[in-house]
Amino acid sequence: RRADRAAEMLLAFDTFGSIPAHVEVVDVGSLTRDGRFLSLR
């Protein structure tokens, strides 16, 4: 489900910074129907 995939991305945005030596998160968002990236940070 699209909701599952959205949850995966939002969880990554919320948690990547809590783990030592982890890659940093820069942004999180959605790909709109016309192909644009929409930030949700």
PDB file of all heavy atoms in Angstrom:
ATOM      1  N   ARG A   1       0.838  -1.198   0.000  1.00  0.00           N
ATOM      2  CA  ARG A   1       0.000   0.000   0.000  1.00  0.00           C
ATOM      3  C   ARG A   1       0.875   1.250   0.000  1.00  0.00           C
ATOM      4  O   ARG A   1       1.955   1.258   0.595  1.00  0.00           O
ATOM      5  CB  ARG A   1      -0.902   0.023   1.230  1.00  0.00           C
ATOM      6  CG  ARG A   1      -1.815  -1.184   1.340  1.00  0.00           C
ATOM      7  CD  ARG A   1      -2.509  -1.213   2.687  1.00  0.00           C
ATOM      8  NE  ARG A   1      -3.237  -2.463   2.871  1.00  0.00           N
ATOM      9  CZ  ARG A   1      -3.563  -2.963   4.056  1.00  0.00           C
ATOM     10  NH1 ARG A   1      -3.243  -2.321   5.166  1.00  0.00           N
ATOM     11  NH2 ARG A   1      -4.222  -4.106   4.135  1.00  0.00           N
ATOM     12  N   ARG A   2       0.393   2.296  -0.640  1.00  0.00           N
ATOM     13  CA  ARG A   2       1.139   3.547  -0.654  1.00  0.00           C
ATOM     14  C   ARG A   2       1.398   4.042   0.771  1.00  0.00           C
ATOM     15  O   ARG A   2       2.465   4.575   1.076  1.00  0.00           O
ATOM     16  CB  ARG A   2       0.380   4.607  -1.453  1.00  0.00           C
ATOM     17  CG  ARG A   2       1.133   5.926  -1.588  1.00  0.00           C
ATOM     18  CD  ARG A   2       0.430   6.901  -2.487  1.00  0.00           C
ATOM     19  NE  ARG A   2      -0.851   7.322  -1.943  1.00  0.00           N
ATOM     20  CZ  ARG A   2      -1.342   8.562  -2.085  1.00  0.00           C
ATOM     21  NH1 ARG A   2      -0.656   9.464  -2.751  1.00  0.00           N
ATOM     22  NH2 ARG A   2      -2.521   8.878  -1.599  1.00  0.00           N
ATOM     23  N   ALA A   3       0.416   3.841   1.666  1.00  0.00           N
ATOM     24  CA  ALA A   3       0.580   4.271   3.050  1.00  0.00           C
ATOM     25  C   ALA A   3       1.745   3.541   3.725  1.00  0.00           C
ATOM     26  O   ALA A   3       2.447   4.122   4.558  1.00  0.00           O
ATOM     27  CB  ALA A   3      -0.712   4.030   3.828  1.00  0.00           C
ATOM     28  N   ASP A   4       1.958   2.266   3.381  1.00  0.00           N
ATOM     29  CA  ASP A   4       3.092   1.527   3.931  1.00  0.00           C
ATOM     30  C   ASP A   4       4.404   2.177   3.513  1.00  0.00           C
ATOM     31  O   ASP A   4       5.325   2.338   4.317  1.00  0.00           O
ATOM     32  CB  ASP A   4       3.092   0.077   3.431  1.00  0.00           C
ATOM     33  CG  ASP A   4       1.833  -0.689   3.787  1.00  0.00           C
ATOM     34  OD1 ASP A   4       1.304  -0.472   4.880  1.00  0.00           O
ATOM     35  OD2 ASP A   4       1.394  -1.502   2.953  1.00  0.00           O
ATOM     36  N   ARG A   5       4.479   2.520   2.234  1.00  0.00           N
ATOM     37  CA  ARG A   5       5.719   3.081   1.708  1.00  0.00           C
ATOM     38  C   ARG A   5       5.978   4.478   2.268  1.00  0.00           C
ATOM     39  O   ARG A   5       7.129   4.849   2.532  1.00  0.00           O
ATOM     40  CB  ARG A   5       5.665   3.066   0.183  1.00  0.00           C
ATOM     41  CG  ARG A   5       5.476   1.656  -0.380  1.00  0.00           C
ATOM     42  CD  ARG A   5       5.597   1.592  -1.889  1.00  0.00           C
ATOM     43  NE  ARG A   5       4.513   2.226  -2.607  1.00  0.00           N
ATOM     44  CZ  ARG A   5       3.351   1.646  -2.890  1.00  0.00           C
ATOM     45  NH1 ARG A   5       3.097   0.410  -2.470  1.00  0.00           N
ATOM     46  NH2 ARG A   5       2.420   2.284  -3.594  1.00  0.00           N
ATOM     47  N   ALA A   6       4.909   5.247   2.468  1.00  0.00           N
ATOM     48  CA  ALA A   6       5.071   6.562   3.090  1.00  0.00           C
ATOM     49  C   ALA A   6       5.562   6.415   4.524  1.00  0.00           C
ATOM     50  O   ALA A   6       6.446   7.162   4.979  1.00  0.00           O
ATOM     51  CB  ALA A   6       3.741   7.313   3.050  1.00  0.00           C
ATOM     52  N   ALA A   7       5.003   5.457   5.246  1.00  0.00           N
ATOM     53  CA  ALA A   7       5.413   5.233   6.634  1.00  0.00           C
ATOM     54  C   ALA A   7       6.894   4.865   6.719  1.00  0.00           C
ATOM     55  O   ALA A   7       7.609   5.308   7.628  1.00  0.00           O
ATOM     56  CB  ALA A   7       4.556   4.138   7.262  1.00  0.00           C
ATOM     57  N   GLU A   8       7.367   4.071   5.766  1.00  0.00           N
ATOM     58  CA  GLU A   8       8.775   3.670   5.753  1.00  0.00           C
ATOM     59  C   GLU A   8       9.677   4.892   5.626  1.00  0.00           C
ATOM     60  O   GLU A   8      10.680   5.023   6.341  1.00  0.00           O
ATOM     61  CB  GLU A   8       9.011   2.705   4.587  1.00  0.00           C
ATOM     62  CG  GLU A   8      10.452   2.274   4.417  1.00  0.00           C
ATOM     63  CD  GLU A   8      10.664   1.474   3.142  1.00  0.00           C
ATOM     64  OE1 GLU A   8       9.775   1.474   2.272  1.00  0.00           O
ATOM     65  OE2 GLU A   8      11.735   0.864   3.016  1.00  0.00           O
ATOM     66  N   MET A   9       9.329   5.805   4.729  1.00  0.00           N
ATOM     67  CA  MET A   9      10.155   6.993   4.519  1.00  0.00           C
ATOM     68  C   MET A   9      10.110   7.931   5.725  1.00  0.00           C
ATOM     69  O   MET A   9      11.134   8.490   6.138  1.00  0.00           O
ATOM     70  CB  MET A   9       9.687   7.733   3.263  1.00  0.00           C
ATOM     71  CG  MET A   9       9.828   6.937   1.979  1.00  0.00           C
ATOM     72  SD  MET A   9      11.557   6.471   1.681  1.00  0.00           S
ATOM     73  CE  MET A   9      11.372   5.580   0.136  1.00  0.00           C
ATOM     74  N   LEU A  10       8.929   8.118   6.312  1.00  0.00           N
ATOM     75  CA  LEU A  10       8.808   9.007   7.457  1.00  0.00           C
ATOM     76  C   LEU A  10       9.539   8.446   8.671  1.00  0.00           C
ATOM     77  O   LEU A  10      10.156   9.196   9.446  1.00  0.00           O
ATOM     78  CB  LEU A  10       7.335   9.243   7.783  1.00  0.00           C
ATOM     79  CG  LEU A  10       6.566  10.071   6.741  1.00  0.00           C
ATOM     80  CD1 LEU A  10       5.076  10.064   7.062  1.00  0.00           C
ATOM     81  CD2 LEU A  10       7.079  11.502   6.698  1.00  0.00           C
ATOM     82  N   LEU A  11       9.485   7.140   8.849  1.00  0.00           N
ATOM     83  CA  LEU A  11      10.209   6.526   9.953  1.00  0.00           C
ATOM     84  C   LEU A  11      11.712   6.708   9.780  1.00  0.00           C
ATOM     85  O   LEU A  11      12.436   6.990  10.749  1.00  0.00           O
ATOM     86  CB  LEU A  11       9.854   5.041  10.057  1.00  0.00           C
ATOM     87  CG  LEU A  11      10.460   4.292  11.246  1.00  0.00           C
ATOM     88  CD1 LEU A  11       9.983   4.892  12.565  1.00  0.00           C
ATOM     89  CD2 LEU A  11      10.116   2.810  11.175  1.00  0.00           C
ATOM     90  N   ALA A  12      12.204   6.557   8.549  1.00  0.00           N
ATOM     91  CA  ALA A  12      13.625   6.773   8.294  1.00  0.00           C
ATOM     92  C   ALA A  12      14.024   8.213   8.619  1.00  0.00           C
ATOM     93  O   ALA A  12      15.059   8.467   9.249  1.00  0.00           O
ATOM     94  CB  ALA A  12      13.939   6.461   6.831  1.00  0.00           C
ATOM     95  N   PHE A  13      13.197   9.179   8.221  1.00  0.00           N
ATOM     96  CA  PHE A  13      13.482  10.590   8.496  1.00  0.00           C
ATOM     97  C   PHE A  13      13.547  10.846  10.001  1.00  0.00           C
ATOM     98  O   PHE A  13      14.389  11.613  10.477  1.00  0.00           O
ATOM     99  CB  PHE A  13      12.400  11.456   7.850  1.00  0.00           C
ATOM    100  CG  PHE A  13      12.625  12.932   8.005  1.00  0.00           C
ATOM    101  CD1 PHE A  13      13.527  13.601   7.191  1.00  0.00           C
ATOM    102  CD2 PHE A  13      11.928  13.660   8.959  1.00  0.00           C
ATOM    103  CE1 PHE A  13      13.743  14.966   7.336  1.00  0.00           C
ATOM    104  CE2 PHE A  13      12.124  15.025   9.107  1.00  0.00           C
ATOM    105  CZ  PHE A  13      13.035  15.684   8.287  1.00  0.00           C
ATOM    106  N   ASP A  14      12.664  10.182  10.749  1.00  0.00           N
ATOM    107  CA  ASP A  14      12.600  10.401  12.192  1.00  0.00           C
ATOM    108  C   ASP A  14      13.705   9.692  12.966  1.00  0.00           C
ATOM    109  O   ASP A  14      14.010  10.089  14.103  1.00  0.00           O
ATOM    110  CB  ASP A  14      11.247   9.931  12.742  1.00  0.00           C
ATOM    111  CG  ASP A  14      10.091  10.832  12.342  1.00  0.00           C
ATOM    112  OD1 ASP A  14      10.356  11.958  11.867  1.00  0.00           O
ATOM    113  OD2 ASP A  14       8.934  10.405  12.499  1.00  0.00           O
ATOM    114  N   THR A  15      14.332   8.660  12.403  1.00  0.00           N
ATOM    115  CA  THR A  15      15.220   7.806  13.197  1.00  0.00           C
ATOM    116  C   THR A  15      16.677   7.769  12.747  1.00  0.00           C
ATOM    117  O   THR A  15      17.543   7.390  13.543  1.00  0.00           O
ATOM    118  CB  THR A  15      14.698   6.356  13.218  1.00  0.00           C
ATOM    119  OG1 THR A  15      14.562   5.872  11.873  1.00  0.00           O
ATOM    120  CG2 THR A  15      13.336   6.286  13.917  1.00  0.00           C
ATOM    121  N   PHE A  16      16.979   8.124  11.504  1.00  0.00           N
ATOM    122  CA  PHE A  16      18.364   8.004  11.037  1.00  0.00           C
ATOM    123  C   PHE A  16      19.330   8.755  11.959  1.00  0.00           C
ATOM    124  O   PHE A  16      20.441   8.306  12.235  1.00  0.00           O
ATOM    125  CB  PHE A  16      18.496   8.539   9.613  1.00  0.00           C
ATOM    126  CG  PHE A  16      18.195   7.517   8.543  1.00  0.00           C
ATOM    127  CD1 PHE A  16      17.396   6.415   8.811  1.00  0.00           C
ATOM    128  CD2 PHE A  16      18.690   7.677   7.251  1.00  0.00           C
ATOM    129  CE1 PHE A  16      17.097   5.478   7.815  1.00  0.00           C
ATOM    130  CE2 PHE A  16      18.402   6.753   6.259  1.00  0.00           C
ATOM    131  CZ  PHE A  16      17.612   5.659   6.536  1.00  0.00           C
ATOM    132  N   GLY A  17      18.911   9.928  12.445  1.00  0.00           N
ATOM    133  CA  GLY A  17      19.808  10.736  13.272  1.00  0.00           C
ATOM    134  C   GLY A  17      20.032  10.200  14.666  1.00  0.00           C
ATOM    135  O   GLY A  17      20.899  10.706  15.390  1.00  0.00           O
ATOM    136  N   SER A  18      19.302   9.173  15.059  1.00  0.00           N
ATOM    137  CA  SER A  18      19.453   8.634  16.411  1.00  0.00           C
ATOM    138  C   SER A  18      20.523   7.549  16.505  1.00  0.00           C
ATOM    139  O   SER A  18      20.829   7.084  17.603  1.00  0.00           O
ATOM    140  CB  SER A  18      18.120   8.063  16.900  1.00  0.00           C
ATOM    141  OG  SER A  18      17.749   6.912  16.148  1.00  0.00           O
ATOM    142  N   ILE A  19      21.070   7.139  15.372  1.00  0.00           N
ATOM    143  CA  ILE A  19      22.020   6.027  15.343  1.00  0.00           C
ATOM    144  C   ILE A  19      23.426   6.558  15.094  1.00  0.00           C
ATOM    145  O   ILE A  19      23.672   7.214  14.063  1.00  0.00           O
ATOM    146  CB  ILE A  19      21.637   5.012  14.245  1.00  0.00           C
ATOM    147  CG1 ILE A  19      20.210   4.514  14.456  1.00  0.00           C
ATOM    148  CG2 ILE A  19      22.625   3.840  14.224  1.00  0.00           C
ATOM    149  CD1 ILE A  19      19.976   3.853  15.793  1.00  0.00           C
ATOM    150  N   PRO A  20      24.375   6.297  15.998  1.00  0.00           N
ATOM    151  CA  PRO A  20      25.753   6.766  15.789  1.00  0.00           C
ATOM    152  C   PRO A  20      26.357   6.225  14.493  1.00  0.00           C
ATOM    153  O   PRO A  20      26.108   5.082  14.105  1.00  0.00           O
ATOM    154  CB  PRO A  20      26.492   6.216  17.012  1.00  0.00           C
ATOM    155  CG  PRO A  20      25.425   6.006  18.042  1.00  0.00           C
ATOM    156  CD  PRO A  20      24.199   5.605  17.271  1.00  0.00           C
ATOM    157  N   ALA A  21      27.132   7.060  13.825  1.00  0.00           N
ATOM    158  CA  ALA A  21      27.858   6.700  12.599  1.00  0.00           C
ATOM    159  C   ALA A  21      26.924   6.340  11.445  1.00  0.00           C
ATOM    160  O   ALA A  21      27.343   5.699  10.478  1.00  0.00           O
ATOM    161  CB  ALA A  21      28.837   5.548  12.852  1.00  0.00           C
ATOM    162  N   HIS A  22      25.682   6.758  11.514  1.00  0.00           N
ATOM    163  CA  HIS A  22      24.713   6.477  10.451  1.00  0.00           C
ATOM    164  C   HIS A  22      24.774   7.574   9.406  1.00  0.00           C
ATOM    165  O   HIS A  22      25.164   8.710   9.703  1.00  0.00           O
ATOM    166  CB  HIS A  22      23.303   6.414  11.059  1.00  0.00           C
ATOM    167  CG  HIS A  22      22.292   5.698  10.219  1.00  0.00           C
ATOM    168  ND1 HIS A  22      21.699   6.249   9.110  1.00  0.00           N
ATOM    169  CD2 HIS A  22      21.765   4.451  10.345  1.00  0.00           C
ATOM    170  CE1 HIS A  22      20.852   5.389   8.591  1.00  0.00           C
ATOM    171  NE2 HIS A  22      20.867   4.282   9.319  1.00  0.00           N
ATOM    172  N   VAL A  23      24.395   7.266   8.169  1.00  0.00           N
ATOM    173  CA  VAL A  23      24.271   8.324   7.173  1.00  0.00           C
ATOM    174  C   VAL A  23      23.235   9.336   7.666  1.00  0.00           C
ATOM    175  O   VAL A  23      22.308   8.994   8.417  1.00  0.00           O
ATOM    176  CB  VAL A  23      23.850   7.773   5.792  1.00  0.00           C
ATOM    177  CG1 VAL A  23      24.927   6.860   5.243  1.00  0.00           C
ATOM    178  CG2 VAL A  23      22.506   7.070   5.853  1.00  0.00           C
ATOM    179  N   GLU A  24      23.411  10.588   7.254  1.00  0.00           N
ATOM    180  CA  GLU A  24      22.518  11.642   7.698  1.00  0.00           C
ATOM    181  C   GLU A  24      21.323  11.769   6.749  1.00  0.00           C
ATOM    182  O   GLU A  24      21.443  11.536   5.550  1.00  0.00           O
ATOM    183  CB  GLU A  24      23.256  12.982   7.758  1.00  0.00           C
ATOM    184  CG  GLU A  24      24.429  12.998   8.734  1.00  0.00           C
ATOM    185  CD  GLU A  24      25.167  14.311   8.685  1.00  0.00           C
ATOM    186  OE1 GLU A  24      24.636  15.280   8.096  1.00  0.00           O
ATOM    187  OE2 GLU A  24      26.285  14.367   9.226  1.00  0.00           O
ATOM    188  N   VAL A  25      20.189  12.164   7.292  1.00  0.00           N
ATOM    189  CA  VAL A  25      19.018  12.409   6.469  1.00  0.00           C
ATOM    190  C   VAL A  25      18.989  13.886   6.103  1.00  0.00           C
ATOM    191  O   VAL A  25      19.273  14.754   6.927  1.00  0.00           O
ATOM    192  CB  VAL A  25      17.732  11.976   7.192  1.00  0.00           C
ATOM    193  CG1 VAL A  25      17.454  12.831   8.426  1.00  0.00           C
ATOM    194  CG2 VAL A  25      16.537  12.011   6.265  1.00  0.00           C
ATOM    195  N   VAL A  26      18.698  14.177   4.847  1.00  0.00           N
ATOM    196  CA  VAL A  26      18.694  15.544   4.347  1.00  0.00           C
ATOM    197  C   VAL A  26      17.268  16.056   4.164  1.00  0.00           C
ATOM    198  O   VAL A  26      16.948  17.194   4.504  1.00  0.00           O
ATOM    199  CB  VAL A  26      19.480  15.646   3.020  1.00  0.00           C
ATOM    200  CG1 VAL A  26      19.394  17.048   2.432  1.00  0.00           C
ATOM    201  CG2 VAL A  26      20.933  15.242   3.231  1.00  0.00           C
ATOM    202  N   ASP A  27      16.400  15.227   3.648  1.00  0.00           N
ATOM    203  CA  ASP A  27      15.032  15.660   3.343  1.00  0.00           C
ATOM    204  C   ASP A  27      14.139  14.432   3.252  1.00  0.00           C
ATOM    205  O   ASP A  27      14.615  13.298   3.124  1.00  0.00           O
ATOM    206  CB  ASP A  27      15.016  16.436   2.015  1.00  0.00           C
ATOM    207  CG  ASP A  27      13.732  17.222   1.781  1.00  0.00           C
ATOM    208  OD1 ASP A  27      13.005  17.449   2.772  1.00  0.00           O
ATOM    209  OD2 ASP A  27      13.452  17.591   0.634  1.00  0.00           O
ATOM    210  N   VAL A  28      12.855  14.644   3.323  1.00  0.00           N
ATOM    211  CA  VAL A  28      11.881  13.593   3.087  1.00  0.00           C
ATOM    212  C   VAL A  28      10.694  14.228   2.384  1.00  0.00           C
ATOM    213  O   VAL A  28      10.392  15.400   2.612  1.00  0.00           O
ATOM    214  CB  VAL A  28      11.431  12.918   4.405  1.00  0.00           C
ATOM    215  CG1 VAL A  28      10.640  13.878   5.287  1.00  0.00           C
ATOM    216  CG2 VAL A  28      10.605  11.661   4.139  1.00  0.00           C
ATOM    217  N   GLY A  29      10.054  13.487   1.507  1.00  0.00           N
ATOM    218  CA  GLY A  29       8.940  14.084   0.784  1.00  0.00           C
ATOM    219  C   GLY A  29       8.207  13.086  -0.072  1.00  0.00           C
ATOM    220  O   GLY A  29       8.360  11.869   0.080  1.00  0.00           O
ATOM    221  N   SER A  30       7.446  13.618  -0.989  1.00  0.00           N
ATOM    222  CA  SER A  30       6.603  12.809  -1.860  1.00  0.00           C
ATOM    223  C   SER A  30       6.871  13.193  -3.303  1.00  0.00           C
ATOM    224  O   SER A  30       7.184  14.349  -3.610  1.00  0.00           O
ATOM    225  CB  SER A  30       5.125  13.062  -1.522  1.00  0.00           C
ATOM    226  OG  SER A  30       4.275  12.467  -2.465  1.00  0.00           O
ATOM    227  N   LEU A  31       6.727  12.231  -4.177  1.00  0.00           N
ATOM    228  CA  LEU A  31       6.782  12.484  -5.605  1.00  0.00           C
ATOM    229  C   LEU A  31       5.366  12.748  -6.081  1.00  0.00           C
ATOM    230  O   LEU A  31       4.491  11.882  -5.972  1.00  0.00           O
ATOM    231  CB  LEU A  31       7.375  11.279  -6.343  1.00  0.00           C
ATOM    232  CG  LEU A  31       7.620  11.443  -7.841  1.00  0.00           C
ATOM    233  CD1 LEU A  31       8.637  12.543  -8.111  1.00  0.00           C
ATOM    234  CD2 LEU A  31       8.094  10.134  -8.446  1.00  0.00           C
ATOM    235  N   THR A  32       5.106  13.937  -6.580  1.00  0.00           N
ATOM    236  CA  THR A  32       3.750  14.311  -6.973  1.00  0.00           C
ATOM    237  C   THR A  32       3.353  13.622  -8.284  1.00  0.00           C
ATOM    238  O   THR A  32       4.194  13.049  -8.980  1.00  0.00           O
ATOM    239  CB  THR A  32       3.621  15.825  -7.144  1.00  0.00           C
ATOM    240  OG1 THR A  32       4.447  16.251  -8.228  1.00  0.00           O
ATOM    241  CG2 THR A  32       4.047  16.563  -5.875  1.00  0.00           C
ATOM    242  N   ARG A  33       2.076  13.707  -8.604  1.00  0.00           N
ATOM    243  CA  ARG A  33       1.576  13.026  -9.801  1.00  0.00           C
ATOM    244  C   ARG A  33       2.202  13.556 -11.085  1.00  0.00           C
ATOM    245  O   ARG A  33       2.273  12.839 -12.080  1.00  0.00           O
ATOM    246  CB  ARG A  33       0.047  13.161  -9.872  1.00  0.00           C
ATOM    247  CG  ARG A  33      -0.684  12.347  -8.825  1.00  0.00           C
ATOM    248  CD  ARG A  33      -2.189  12.425  -9.004  1.00  0.00           C
ATOM    249  NE  ARG A  33      -2.895  11.581  -8.051  1.00  0.00           N
ATOM    250  CZ  ARG A  33      -3.266  11.966  -6.851  1.00  0.00           C
ATOM    251  NH1 ARG A  33      -3.002  13.201  -6.443  1.00  0.00           N
ATOM    252  NH2 ARG A  33      -3.908  11.132  -6.045  1.00  0.00           N
ATOM    253  N   ASP A  34       2.636  14.816 -11.076  1.00  0.00           N
ATOM    254  CA  ASP A  34       3.252  15.365 -12.290  1.00  0.00           C
ATOM    255  C   ASP A  34       4.770  15.301 -12.250  1.00  0.00           C
ATOM    256  O   ASP A  34       5.455  15.968 -13.012  1.00  0.00           O
ATOM    257  CB  ASP A  34       2.787  16.800 -12.537  1.00  0.00           C
ATOM    258  CG  ASP A  34       3.129  17.736 -11.384  1.00  0.00           C
ATOM    259  OD1 ASP A  34       3.668  17.247 -10.362  1.00  0.00           O
ATOM    260  OD2 ASP A  34       2.869  18.949 -11.508  1.00  0.00           O
ATOM    261  N   GLY A  35       5.325  14.465 -11.346  1.00  0.00           N
ATOM    262  CA  GLY A  35       6.754  14.194 -11.369  1.00  0.00           C
ATOM    263  C   GLY A  35       7.618  15.128 -10.554  1.00  0.00           C
ATOM    264  O   GLY A  35       8.846  15.059 -10.641  1.00  0.00           O
ATOM    265  N   ARG A  36       7.027  16.001  -9.760  1.00  0.00           N
ATOM    266  CA  ARG A  36       7.816  16.908  -8.926  1.00  0.00           C
ATOM    267  C   ARG A  36       8.035  16.288  -7.544  1.00  0.00           C
ATOM    268  O   ARG A  36       7.254  15.468  -7.092  1.00  0.00           O
ATOM    269  CB  ARG A  36       7.111  18.257  -8.773  1.00  0.00           C
ATOM    270  CG  ARG A  36       6.987  19.055 -10.060  1.00  0.00           C
ATOM    271  CD  ARG A  36       6.228  20.356  -9.833  1.00  0.00           C
ATOM    272  NE  ARG A  36       4.837  20.114  -9.440  1.00  0.00           N
ATOM    273  CZ  ARG A  36       4.355  20.281  -8.219  1.00  0.00           C
ATOM    274  NH1 ARG A  36       5.135  20.682  -7.222  1.00  0.00           N
ATOM    275  NH2 ARG A  36       3.071  20.049  -7.953  1.00  0.00           N
ATOM    276  N   PHE A  37       9.121  16.737  -6.898  1.00  0.00           N
ATOM    277  CA  PHE A  37       9.373  16.313  -5.531  1.00  0.00           C
ATOM    278  C   PHE A  37       8.803  17.354  -4.575  1.00  0.00           C
ATOM    279  O   PHE A  37       9.074  18.548  -4.703  1.00  0.00           O
ATOM    280  CB  PHE A  37      10.886  16.159  -5.281  1.00  0.00           C
ATOM    281  CG  PHE A  37      11.481  14.953  -5.958  1.00  0.00           C
ATOM    282  CD1 PHE A  37      12.180  15.083  -7.146  1.00  0.00           C
ATOM    283  CD2 PHE A  37      11.329  13.689  -5.409  1.00  0.00           C
ATOM    284  CE1 PHE A  37      12.720  13.981  -7.780  1.00  0.00           C
ATOM    285  CE2 PHE A  37      11.866  12.578  -6.034  1.00  0.00           C
ATOM    286  CZ  PHE A  37      12.565  12.717  -7.221  1.00  0.00           C
ATOM    287  N   LEU A  38       8.004  16.898  -3.614  1.00  0.00           N
ATOM    288  CA  LEU A  38       7.368  17.776  -2.640  1.00  0.00           C
ATOM    289  C   LEU A  38       7.944  17.468  -1.267  1.00  0.00           C
ATOM    290  O   LEU A  38       7.774  16.373  -0.745  1.00  0.00           O
ATOM    291  CB  LEU A  38       5.853  17.556  -2.633  1.00  0.00           C
ATOM    292  CG  LEU A  38       5.043  18.353  -1.610  1.00  0.00           C
ATOM    293  CD1 LEU A  38       5.105  19.848  -1.941  1.00  0.00           C
ATOM    294  CD2 LEU A  38       3.599  17.875  -1.578  1.00  0.00           C
ATOM    295  N   SER A  39       8.647  18.433  -0.682  1.00  0.00           N
ATOM    296  CA  SER A  39       9.298  18.208   0.602  1.00  0.00           C
ATOM    297  C   SER A  39       8.280  18.140   1.740  1.00  0.00           C
ATOM    298  O   SER A  39       7.305  18.890   1.774  1.00  0.00           O
ATOM    299  CB  SER A  39      10.297  19.334   0.894  1.00  0.00           C
ATOM    300  OG  SER A  39      10.854  19.173   2.187  1.00  0.00           O
ATOM    301  N   LEU A  40       8.536  17.238   2.685  1.00  0.00           N
ATOM    302  CA  LEU A  40       7.736  17.126   3.901  1.00  0.00           C
ATOM    303  C   LEU A  40       8.610  17.283   5.145  1.00  0.00           C
ATOM    304  O   LEU A  40       8.201  16.919   6.245  1.00  0.00           O
ATOM    305  CB  LEU A  40       7.031  15.762   3.954  1.00  0.00           C
ATOM    306  CG  LEU A  40       6.019  15.458   2.856  1.00  0.00           C
ATOM    307  CD1 LEU A  40       5.509  14.037   3.017  1.00  0.00           C
ATOM    308  CD2 LEU A  40       4.856  16.435   2.891  1.00  0.00           C
ATOM    309  N   ARG A  41       9.815  17.849   4.970  1.00  0.00           N
ATOM    310  CA  ARG A  41      10.749  17.864   6.089  1.00  0.00           C
ATOM    311  C   ARG A  41      10.257  18.700   7.267  1.00  0.00           C
ATOM    312  O   ARG A  41      10.671  18.481   8.404  1.00  0.00           O
ATOM    313  CB  ARG A  41      12.125  18.351   5.633  1.00  0.00           C
ATOM    314  CG  ARG A  41      12.192  19.764   5.080  1.00  0.00           C
ATOM    315  CD  ARG A  41      13.629  20.118   4.671  1.00  0.00           C
ATOM    316  NE  ARG A  41      13.696  21.423   4.048  1.00  0.00           N
ATOM    317  CZ  ARG A  41      13.556  21.643   2.738  1.00  0.00           C
ATOM    318  NH1 ARG A  41      13.335  20.606   1.923  1.00  0.00           N
ATOM    319  NH2 ARG A  41      13.641  22.864   2.232  1.00  0.00           N
TER     320      ARG A  41
END
